Amino acid sequence: MSSYTDNMTEKEWEAFCEIMLRHHYGQPNFWSVPDKDSGDFGIEFYTADGTIFQCYYPDLSADMKKYKQKIQKKINDDLKKLKEYEAGIGGMLGDIKVKQWVLAVKHSISI
């Protein structure tokens, strides 16, 4: 059985995440951060309630051990970016206080 997301590219995965999250949070409560806009500080989207999102599309052909290592590395690298870019992120978010960080990961499960 295949799913809608099976053959997506990285950019299509990010666009899919944006559509789903924008629908969930509602237009006035959700913002995307374009990579072109003086850097995205490692954030793809943020919400009025203080949730920040990063999308990740790892190599899906990797075995489970390597897949898990890639996810762990991504988490560690991105959490370091949050600290490194704390001032820039704060300026971008204004009065919004970060309450949670979410990593939206594309994965493939064989049944």
Protein backbone atom coordinates (compact mmCIF):
# COMPACT_ATOMS: atom_id res chain seq x y z
CA MET A 1 0.00 0.00 0.00
CA SER A 2 1.38 3.42 -0.84
CA SER A 3 0.49 6.77 0.60
CA TYR A 4 0.17 10.26 -0.78
CA THR A 5 3.55 11.22 0.68
CA ASP A 6 5.55 8.25 -0.62
CA ASN A 7 7.13 9.90 -3.65
CA MET A 8 7.52 13.44 -2.38
CA THR A 9 10.69 15.50 -2.65
CA GLU A 10 12.05 17.44 0.33
CA LYS A 11 10.36 20.65 -0.85
CA GLU A 12 7.06 18.85 -1.48
CA TRP A 13 7.25 17.38 2.05
CA GLU A 14 7.77 20.86 3.49
CA ALA A 15 4.85 22.24 1.42
CA PHE A 16 2.64 19.34 2.59
CA CYS A 17 3.54 20.05 6.22
CA GLU A 18 2.71 23.72 5.72
CA ILE A 19 -0.71 22.96 4.24
CA MET A 20 -1.63 20.58 7.06
CA LEU A 21 -0.35 22.83 9.84
CA ARG A 22 -1.88 25.99 8.38
CA HIS A 23 -5.23 24.17 8.21
CA HIS A 24 -4.88 22.98 11.81
CA TYR A 25 -3.80 26.31 13.35
CA GLY A 26 -5.75 28.65 11.09
CA GLN A 27 -4.40 31.37 8.84
CA PRO A 28 -4.14 34.17 11.44
CA ASN A 29 -2.23 31.95 13.92
CA PHE A 30 0.38 30.39 11.62
CA TRP A 31 3.43 31.80 9.83
CA SER A 32 5.97 30.27 7.48
CA VAL A 33 9.61 31.36 7.49
CA PRO A 34 11.02 31.45 3.96
CA ASP A 35 14.66 30.31 3.77
CA LYS A 36 15.37 33.34 1.55
CA ASP A 37 14.37 35.82 4.27
CA SER A 38 17.80 36.45 5.79
CA GLY A 39 17.95 32.84 6.90
CA ASP A 40 15.26 30.86 8.59
CA PHE A 41 17.20 30.23 11.83
CA GLY A 42 16.43 26.51 11.40
CA ILE A 43 12.68 27.09 11.64
CA GLU A 44 10.12 26.37 8.92
CA PHE A 45 6.96 27.57 10.68
CA TYR A 46 5.75 29.07 13.93
CA THR A 47 2.39 29.62 15.59
CA ALA A 48 0.72 32.16 17.84
CA ASP A 49 0.77 29.64 20.71
CA GLY A 50 4.58 29.43 20.68
CA THR A 51 5.09 26.22 18.70
CA ILE A 52 7.98 26.23 16.25
CA PHE A 53 8.35 23.59 13.54
CA GLN A 54 11.20 22.16 11.56
CA CYS A 55 10.54 19.70 8.71
CA TYR A 56 12.97 16.90 7.93
CA TYR A 57 13.15 14.53 5.01
CA PRO A 58 15.91 12.00 5.73
CA ASP A 59 17.30 9.43 3.31
CA LEU A 60 14.49 6.89 3.32
CA SER A 61 16.66 4.15 1.81
CA ALA A 62 18.84 3.95 4.93
CA ASP A 63 18.48 0.98 7.24
CA MET A 64 16.71 1.56 10.57
CA LYS A 65 19.95 2.08 12.52
CA LYS A 66 21.22 4.79 10.14
CA TYR A 67 17.75 6.33 9.88
CA LYS A 68 17.60 6.62 13.67
CA GLN A 69 21.12 8.12 13.78
CA LYS A 70 20.13 10.73 11.16
CA ILE A 71 17.06 11.70 13.19
CA GLN A 72 19.10 11.99 16.40
CA LYS A 73 21.73 14.12 14.63
CA LYS A 74 19.04 16.37 13.17
CA ILE A 75 17.51 16.90 16.62
CA ASN A 76 20.87 17.71 18.21
CA ASP A 77 21.93 20.03 15.38
CA ASP A 78 18.62 21.90 15.35
CA LEU A 79 18.49 22.36 19.11
CA LYS A 80 21.98 23.87 18.93
CA LYS A 81 20.74 26.23 16.18
CA LEU A 82 17.91 27.39 18.44
CA LYS A 83 20.44 28.42 21.07
CA GLU A 84 22.84 29.91 18.49
CA TYR A 85 20.12 31.98 16.82
CA GLU A 86 18.14 32.78 19.97
CA ALA A 87 18.34 36.55 19.46
CA GLY A 88 17.33 36.39 15.79
CA ILE A 89 14.47 34.02 16.55
CA GLY A 90 13.27 36.28 19.35
CA GLY A 91 13.31 39.26 17.00
CA MET A 92 11.37 37.33 14.36
CA LEU A 93 8.74 36.07 16.81
CA GLY A 94 8.21 39.38 18.59
CA ASP A 95 5.98 38.87 21.65
CA ILE A 96 5.51 35.14 20.99
CA LYS A 97 7.37 32.98 23.52
CA VAL A 98 8.59 29.58 22.33
CA LYS A 99 6.81 26.82 24.25
CA GLN A 100 7.61 23.80 22.12
CA TRP A 101 9.73 22.67 19.20
CA VAL A 102 8.36 20.05 16.80
CA LEU A 103 10.35 18.08 14.24
CA ALA A 104 8.05 16.84 11.46
CA VAL A 105 9.85 13.83 9.97
CA LYS A 106 9.01 12.11 6.70
CA HIS A 107 9.24 8.37 7.10
CA SER A 108 8.38 5.27 5.18
CA ILE A 109 7.07 2.08 6.71
CA SER A 110 7.03 -1.14 4.76
CA ILE A 111 4.18 -3.49 5.58
